[in-house]
């Protein structure tokens, strides 16, 4: 377990996560593809790597569905290309 993992169990994070998902209830990545999907993950736009300033920064959060968080976002953080498709089936 990484040293900063405990931050996810703090009251401050839980309240920030709740606020993020209430204020942005739909997945940001899905919306860019004209798909409406509920968000379940408060994702850090810029990886915090243990920085509490980035971890608790509400401007560094976006709402994602679990599928986008666990696939597209992970590939992006690894520096891999991610191809997304619009509702008409054409790549963006």
C-alpha atoms as a PDB file:
ATOM      1  CA  UNK A   1       0.000   0.000   0.000  1.00  0.00           C
ATOM      2  CA  UNK A   2       1.298   3.446  -0.892  1.00  0.00           C
ATOM      3  CA  UNK A   3       1.914   5.943   1.897  1.00  0.00           C
ATOM      4  CA  UNK A   4      -0.812   8.308   0.654  1.00  0.00           C
ATOM      5  CA  UNK A   5      -3.576   5.675   0.298  1.00  0.00           C
ATOM      6  CA  UNK A   6      -4.914   6.653   3.732  1.00  0.00           C
ATOM      7  CA  UNK A   7      -6.039  10.005   2.289  1.00  0.00           C
ATOM      8  CA  UNK A   8      -8.943   8.249   0.569  1.00  0.00           C
ATOM      9  CA  UNK A   9     -10.417   7.265   3.941  1.00  0.00           C
ATOM     10  CA  UNK A  10     -10.394  10.767   5.432  1.00  0.00           C
ATOM     11  CA  UNK A  11     -13.592  12.664   6.127  1.00  0.00           C
ATOM     12  CA  UNK A  12     -12.237  15.596   4.090  1.00  0.00           C
ATOM     13  CA  UNK A  13     -11.821  13.399   0.985  1.00  0.00           C
ATOM     14  CA  UNK A  14     -15.208  11.741   1.388  1.00  0.00           C
ATOM     15  CA  UNK A  15     -16.924  15.144   1.588  1.00  0.00           C
ATOM     16  CA  UNK A  16     -14.941  16.473  -1.377  1.00  0.00           C
ATOM     17  CA  UNK A  17     -15.749  13.356  -3.416  1.00  0.00           C
ATOM     18  CA  UNK A  18     -19.444  13.647  -2.539  1.00  0.00           C
ATOM     19  CA  UNK A  19     -19.497  17.338  -3.523  1.00  0.00           C
ATOM     20  CA  UNK A  20     -17.731  16.566  -6.828  1.00  0.00           C
ATOM     21  CA  UNK A  21     -20.213  13.851  -7.802  1.00  0.00           C
ATOM     22  CA  UNK A  22     -23.195  16.019  -6.832  1.00  0.00           C
ATOM     23  CA  UNK A  23     -21.924  19.031  -8.773  1.00  0.00           C
ATOM     24  CA  UNK A  24     -20.896  16.964 -11.824  1.00  0.00           C
ATOM     25  CA  UNK A  25     -23.105  13.842 -11.778  1.00  0.00           C
ATOM     26  CA  UNK A  26     -22.300  12.648 -15.305  1.00  0.00           C
ATOM     27  CA  UNK A  27     -19.080  11.169 -16.633  1.00  0.00           C
ATOM     28  CA  UNK A  28     -17.008  13.880 -18.282  1.00  0.00           C
ATOM     29  CA  UNK A  29     -15.381  11.492 -20.785  1.00  0.00           C
ATOM     30  CA  UNK A  30     -18.710   9.955 -21.826  1.00  0.00           C
ATOM     31  CA  UNK A  31     -20.273  13.392 -22.286  1.00  0.00           C
ATOM     32  CA  UNK A  32     -17.459  14.278 -24.711  1.00  0.00           C
ATOM     33  CA  UNK A  33     -18.665  11.333 -26.818  1.00  0.00           C
ATOM     34  CA  UNK A  34     -22.340  12.334 -26.546  1.00  0.00           C
ATOM     35  CA  UNK A  35     -23.039   9.465 -24.135  1.00  0.00           C
ATOM     36  CA  UNK A  36     -24.944  10.051 -20.899  1.00  0.00           C
ATOM     37  CA  UNK A  37     -23.486   7.933 -18.090  1.00  0.00           C
ATOM     38  CA  UNK A  38     -23.605   8.441 -14.334  1.00  0.00           C
ATOM     39  CA  UNK A  39     -20.292   9.220 -12.696  1.00  0.00           C
ATOM     40  CA  UNK A  40     -19.156   7.140  -9.743  1.00  0.00           C
ATOM     41  CA  UNK A  41     -15.508   8.217  -9.437  1.00  0.00           C
ATOM     42  CA  UNK A  42     -14.066  11.585  -8.391  1.00  0.00           C
ATOM     43  CA  UNK A  43     -10.872  11.449 -10.438  1.00  0.00           C
ATOM     44  CA  UNK A  44      -7.779  13.608 -10.068  1.00  0.00           C
ATOM     45  CA  UNK A  45      -7.182  15.328 -13.422  1.00  0.00           C
ATOM     46  CA  UNK A  46      -3.487  15.728 -12.639  1.00  0.00           C
ATOM     47  CA  UNK A  47      -2.155  12.740 -10.675  1.00  0.00           C
ATOM     48  CA  UNK A  48      -1.466  13.862  -7.108  1.00  0.00           C
ATOM     49  CA  UNK A  49       1.347  11.345  -6.403  1.00  0.00           C
ATOM     50  CA  UNK A  50       0.886  11.952  -2.685  1.00  0.00           C
ATOM     51  CA  UNK A  51       0.706  15.754  -2.823  1.00  0.00           C
ATOM     52  CA  UNK A  52      -2.040  16.761  -0.394  1.00  0.00           C
ATOM     53  CA  UNK A  53      -2.388  20.111  -2.168  1.00  0.00           C
ATOM     54  CA  UNK A  54      -3.289  18.340  -5.439  1.00  0.00           C
ATOM     55  CA  UNK A  55      -5.230  15.601  -3.666  1.00  0.00           C
ATOM     56  CA  UNK A  56      -7.632  18.026  -1.958  1.00  0.00           C
ATOM     57  CA  UNK A  57      -7.789  20.623  -4.763  1.00  0.00           C
ATOM     58  CA  UNK A  58     -11.402  20.706  -6.021  1.00  0.00           C
ATOM     59  CA  UNK A  59     -10.196  22.244  -9.303  1.00  0.00           C
ATOM     60  CA  UNK A  60      -8.125  19.088  -9.877  1.00  0.00           C
ATOM     61  CA  UNK A  61     -11.176  16.812  -9.845  1.00  0.00           C
ATOM     62  CA  UNK A  62     -13.440  15.500 -12.579  1.00  0.00           C
ATOM     63  CA  UNK A  63     -16.299  13.034 -12.442  1.00  0.00           C
ATOM     64  CA  UNK A  64     -15.908   9.786 -14.374  1.00  0.00           C
ATOM     65  CA  UNK A  65     -17.783   6.518 -14.645  1.00  0.00           C
ATOM     66  CA  UNK A  66     -15.854   3.487 -13.390  1.00  0.00           C
ATOM     67  CA  UNK A  67     -15.395   2.182 -16.926  1.00  0.00           C
ATOM     68  CA  UNK A  68     -13.717   5.369 -18.199  1.00  0.00           C
ATOM     69  CA  UNK A  69     -11.642   5.714 -15.033  1.00  0.00           C
ATOM     70  CA  UNK A  70     -10.390   2.139 -15.225  1.00  0.00           C
ATOM     71  CA  UNK A  71      -9.678   2.130 -18.950  1.00  0.00           C
ATOM     72  CA  UNK A  72      -9.244   5.403 -20.852  1.00  0.00           C
ATOM     73  CA  UNK A  73      -7.907   7.430 -17.919  1.00  0.00           C
ATOM     74  CA  UNK A  74      -5.418   4.721 -16.938  1.00  0.00           C
ATOM     75  CA  UNK A  75      -4.132   4.478 -20.519  1.00  0.00           C
ATOM     76  CA  UNK A  76      -3.792   8.277 -20.681  1.00  0.00           C
ATOM     77  CA  UNK A  77      -1.726   8.293 -17.478  1.00  0.00           C
ATOM     78  CA  UNK A  78       0.541   5.638 -18.999  1.00  0.00           C
ATOM     79  CA  UNK A  79       1.098   7.909 -22.019  1.00  0.00           C
ATOM     80  CA  UNK A  80      -0.878   5.725 -24.395  1.00  0.00           C
ATOM     81  CA  UNK A  81      -3.152   7.108 -27.114  1.00  0.00           C
ATOM     82  CA  UNK A  82      -6.875   6.916 -26.453  1.00  0.00           C
ATOM     83  CA  UNK A  83      -9.305   6.986 -29.365  1.00  0.00           C
ATOM     84  CA  UNK A  84     -12.831   8.116 -28.553  1.00  0.00           C
ATOM     85  CA  UNK A  85     -15.898   7.929 -30.748  1.00  0.00           C
ATOM     86  CA  UNK A  86     -18.809  10.317 -31.195  1.00  0.00           C
ATOM     87  CA  UNK A  87     -22.412   9.170 -31.068  1.00  0.00           C
ATOM     88  CA  UNK A  88     -22.374   8.837 -34.887  1.00  0.00           C
ATOM     89  CA  UNK A  89     -19.600   6.224 -34.618  1.00  0.00           C
ATOM     90  CA  UNK A  90     -16.818   8.364 -36.079  1.00  0.00           C
ATOM     91  CA  UNK A  91     -13.572   8.807 -34.142  1.00  0.00           C
ATOM     92  CA  UNK A  92     -13.013  12.193 -32.513  1.00  0.00           C
END
